[in-house]
Structures are given as C-alpha cells and as structure tokens.
Amino acid sequence: MLVVNRFRAGQDPAGLRAELELVHGLLAGQTGYVDGWVGRNLDDPDLWTLTTRWVNVGAYRRALSTYDLKLHGVPVLSRAVDEPGAYEVVEPGGVLNVVEPRVT
C-alpha cells in the first residue's frame, strides 16, 4: 500500500521540511512500514510530499493511532492537500481491489 500526502510549504519551507522529516521518522518506526521519503516538486518548489509504503492499509491506520503520531504527526498530516492519499500498488498482471461505493 502506498500513501501520498502532499503539502504546500507557504512562507516556511524549512519548517515544513523539518516537520515532514520528523513525521517520516515516527512513521518509519512503526510495524508494517516498508519505506518512504520526503520529496519536493521540481516544477513547483512550494509543493512537498511525504510518501510511505506499508505492508497493508491496517498497518498504516494502526501507525496513525500511536501516541507519538497522534501528538506530533496528525497535526502535520492534517495540513496536507485535501485529496485521497491511499493507493494500491499495481503489479504487472496483479489483481486490483474491486471498486465498491461506500455506504455512509
């Protein structure tokens, strides 16, 4: 599972970078974390990303529920661009999840 969170740096790109590196470090210490990185857009330097891979969606959700991530991570992640961020990795010939509407 792939998680892509995009952020606008605004007036403090150095501050955002430090926050994203901190959050990435917290996520990297969680069970089910595979790998990840902080990136900045080449064409629009105001646009940053925190991208992580997980063994499954449950591992990512459990990581977000830990004390340190609730305290230090969620306040940063809540400032991400408002868009879906969870992706399934598409492997050659792999079977994809079936798209079913969610009932709320």
Protein backbone atom coordinates (compact mmCIF):
# COMPACT_ATOMS: atom_id res chain seq x y z
CA MET A 1 0.00 0.00 0.00
CA LEU A 2 1.25 3.45 -0.92
CA VAL A 3 0.38 6.67 0.93
CA VAL A 4 0.99 10.03 -0.74
CA ASN A 5 0.44 13.18 1.31
CA ARG A 6 1.05 16.49 -0.48
CA PHE A 7 1.68 19.81 1.27
CA ARG A 8 2.04 23.48 0.37
CA ALA A 9 5.07 24.99 2.12
CA GLY A 10 3.82 28.56 2.12
CA GLN A 11 6.13 31.03 3.85
CA ASP A 12 8.16 28.43 5.79
CA PRO A 13 9.60 25.69 3.56
CA ALA A 14 12.41 24.92 6.03
CA GLY A 15 9.87 24.49 8.81
CA LEU A 16 7.70 22.19 6.70
CA ARG A 17 10.73 20.13 5.73
CA ALA A 18 11.68 19.66 9.38
CA GLU A 19 8.11 18.69 10.30
CA LEU A 20 7.85 16.19 7.44
CA GLU A 21 11.20 14.64 8.34
CA LEU A 22 10.03 14.27 11.95
CA VAL A 23 6.75 12.67 10.92
CA HIS A 24 8.54 10.38 8.47
CA GLY A 25 10.87 9.26 11.25
CA LEU A 26 7.91 8.48 13.50
CA LEU A 27 6.16 6.53 10.75
CA ALA A 28 9.36 4.64 9.89
CA GLY A 29 9.48 3.24 13.41
CA GLN A 30 6.05 1.63 13.16
CA THR A 31 5.22 -2.01 12.49
CA GLY A 32 4.32 -2.59 8.86
CA TYR A 33 6.32 0.34 7.48
CA VAL A 34 8.21 -0.67 4.31
CA ASP A 35 9.90 2.54 3.17
CA GLY A 36 9.26 6.18 2.45
CA TRP A 37 10.68 9.61 1.75
CA VAL A 38 10.09 13.33 1.81
CA GLY A 39 10.14 15.00 -1.61
CA ARG A 40 9.78 18.41 -3.19
CA ASN A 41 8.27 19.09 -6.61
CA LEU A 42 10.82 20.07 -9.25
CA ASP A 43 8.46 22.38 -11.14
CA ASP A 44 6.67 23.87 -8.13
CA PRO A 45 9.07 24.10 -5.15
CA ASP A 46 6.18 25.12 -2.87
CA LEU A 47 4.71 21.61 -3.27
CA TRP A 48 6.12 18.89 -0.98
CA THR A 49 5.23 15.26 -0.43
CA LEU A 50 5.54 12.66 2.29
CA THR A 51 5.30 9.27 0.60
CA THR A 52 5.32 5.98 2.50
CA ARG A 53 4.79 2.31 1.69
CA TRP A 54 3.12 -0.13 4.07
CA VAL A 55 2.51 -3.87 4.15
CA ASN A 56 -1.24 -3.13 4.21
CA VAL A 57 -3.74 -0.40 4.99
CA GLY A 58 -4.29 -1.73 8.51
CA ALA A 59 -0.63 -1.22 9.40
CA TYR A 60 -0.83 2.40 8.27
CA ARG A 61 -4.01 3.06 10.22
CA ARG A 62 -2.57 1.45 13.35
CA ALA A 63 0.56 3.58 12.97
CA LEU A 64 -1.57 6.74 12.96
CA SER A 65 -3.22 5.66 16.20
CA THR A 66 0.02 5.52 18.21
CA TYR A 67 0.57 8.17 20.87
CA ASP A 68 3.58 9.85 19.24
CA LEU A 69 1.88 10.10 15.86
CA LYS A 70 -1.32 11.45 17.39
CA LEU A 71 0.74 14.05 19.24
CA HIS A 72 3.31 15.02 16.59
CA GLY A 73 2.18 13.52 13.28
CA VAL A 74 -1.54 14.15 12.95
CA PRO A 75 -1.23 17.94 13.41
CA VAL A 76 1.17 18.00 10.43
CA LEU A 77 -0.71 15.44 8.32
CA SER A 78 -3.95 17.36 8.83
CA ARG A 79 -2.42 20.22 6.81
CA ALA A 80 -1.99 18.04 3.71
CA VAL A 81 -3.72 18.97 0.47
CA ASP A 82 -7.30 17.67 0.81
CA GLU A 83 -7.31 14.72 -1.59
CA PRO A 84 -7.31 10.93 -1.36
CA GLY A 85 -3.83 9.71 -0.42
CA ALA A 86 -4.01 5.90 -0.14
CA TYR A 87 -3.09 3.89 -3.24
CA GLU A 88 -2.74 0.24 -4.05
CA VAL A 89 0.48 -0.69 -5.80
CA VAL A 90 -0.25 -2.00 -9.30
CA GLU A 91 1.92 -5.01 -10.14
CA PRO A 92 2.14 -6.41 -13.70
CA GLY A 93 -0.77 -8.84 -14.05
CA GLY A 94 -1.83 -8.26 -10.45
CA VAL A 95 -5.45 -8.28 -9.34
CA LEU A 96 -6.73 -4.89 -8.22
CA ASN A 97 -9.24 -4.17 -5.49
CA VAL A 98 -12.84 -4.07 -6.62
CA VAL A 99 -14.26 -0.55 -6.57
CA GLU A 100 -17.40 -0.53 -4.44
CA PRO A 101 -19.19 2.61 -3.31
CA ARG A 102 -19.04 3.23 0.43
CA VAL A 103 -22.30 3.47 2.26
CA THR A 104 -22.34 6.21 4.87
